[in-house]
Protein backbone atom coordinates (compact mmCIF):
# COMPACT_ATOMS: atom_id res chain seq x y z
CA MET A 1 -13.38 9.30 4.84
CA GLU A 2 -10.09 7.58 5.63
CA ASN A 3 -8.87 4.17 4.56
CA ARG A 4 -5.81 2.16 5.52
CA VAL A 5 -3.81 0.11 3.05
CA TYR A 6 -1.32 -2.47 4.33
CA ALA A 7 1.59 -3.68 2.19
CA ARG A 8 4.40 -6.20 2.80
CA LEU A 9 7.56 -5.16 1.00
CA ASP A 10 10.66 -7.25 0.14
CA GLN A 11 13.65 -4.92 0.22
CA GLY A 12 13.31 -2.90 3.42
CA VAL A 13 13.80 0.86 3.33
CA ASP A 14 14.51 0.88 -0.41
CA SER A 15 11.08 -0.60 -1.12
CA PHE A 16 9.42 1.81 1.31
CA LEU A 17 11.00 4.82 -0.39
CA ARG A 18 10.04 3.49 -3.83
CA VAL A 19 6.38 3.11 -2.83
CA ALA A 20 6.31 6.49 -1.03
CA SER A 21 7.83 8.36 -3.98
CA THR A 22 5.47 6.64 -6.43
CA LEU A 23 2.41 7.62 -4.38
CA ARG A 24 3.71 11.21 -4.10
CA ARG A 25 4.34 11.40 -7.84
CA LYS A 26 0.79 10.13 -8.56
CA GLU A 27 -0.51 12.91 -6.22
CA PHE A 28 -2.71 10.75 -3.98
CA ASN A 29 -4.02 12.42 -0.84
CA ILE A 30 -1.88 10.54 1.70
CA LYS A 31 -2.31 11.50 5.37
CA ALA A 32 0.30 9.17 6.88
CA LEU A 33 2.89 6.53 5.99
CA ASN A 34 4.13 4.08 8.62
CA MET A 35 6.89 1.51 8.28
CA VAL A 36 7.73 -1.30 10.69
CA SER A 37 10.61 -3.71 10.13
CA SER A 38 9.36 -7.29 10.06
CA SER A 39 11.21 -9.79 12.20
CA GLY A 40 13.14 -12.61 10.59
CA ASP A 41 13.66 -11.23 7.10
CA SER A 42 14.77 -8.09 5.30
CA GLY A 43 11.22 -7.00 4.47
CA VAL A 44 9.07 -4.29 6.01
CA ASN A 45 5.40 -3.79 6.74
CA MET A 46 4.00 -0.51 5.44
CA GLU A 47 0.72 1.16 6.31
CA VAL A 48 -0.72 4.00 4.23
CA LEU A 49 -3.52 6.21 5.56
CA ILE A 50 -5.47 7.65 2.64
CA GLU A 51 -7.86 10.58 2.83
CA ASN A 52 -10.19 10.03 -0.09
CA SER A 53 -13.13 11.90 -1.44
CA HIS A 54 -13.90 9.19 -4.01
CA ASN A 55 -14.41 5.46 -3.53
CA HIS A 56 -12.14 4.56 -6.40
CA CYS A 57 -9.15 6.31 -4.78
CA VAL A 58 -8.32 3.32 -2.55
CA ASN A 59 -8.52 0.93 -5.49
CA ASP A 60 -6.20 3.19 -7.48
CA VAL A 61 -3.65 3.21 -4.63
CA VAL A 62 -3.78 -0.59 -4.35
CA ASN A 63 -3.33 -0.99 -8.12
CA VAL A 64 -0.33 1.37 -8.16
CA ILE A 65 1.35 -0.44 -5.24
CA LEU A 66 0.73 -3.88 -6.78
CA LYS A 67 2.52 -2.85 -9.98
CA LEU A 68 5.81 -2.38 -8.11
CA ALA A 69 8.17 -5.37 -8.29
CA ASP A 70 9.14 -5.77 -4.63
CA VAL A 71 5.64 -5.85 -3.11
CA LYS A 72 4.60 -9.20 -1.57
CA GLU A 73 1.07 -8.43 -0.40
CA VAL A 74 -1.44 -5.55 -0.35
CA ARG A 75 -4.64 -5.40 1.73
CA VAL A 76 -7.21 -2.73 2.52
CA LEU A 77 -7.83 -2.63 6.27
């Protein structure tokens, strides 16, 4: 089963790299990471595609992302 997690980040590429390296370090089974620059501000929109074998995996990813300082919003799509 695959799930998508959407996050709005404050600091552009720096925030994206921080989230990506944190998820890699926590060894989540990430299939894809996408980043799109948001218009009008320095933030970015990030989408994470998670391959999970357990239901709690998505919740764990959301909790890890929310703990980072420069994250504005996190949603499971």
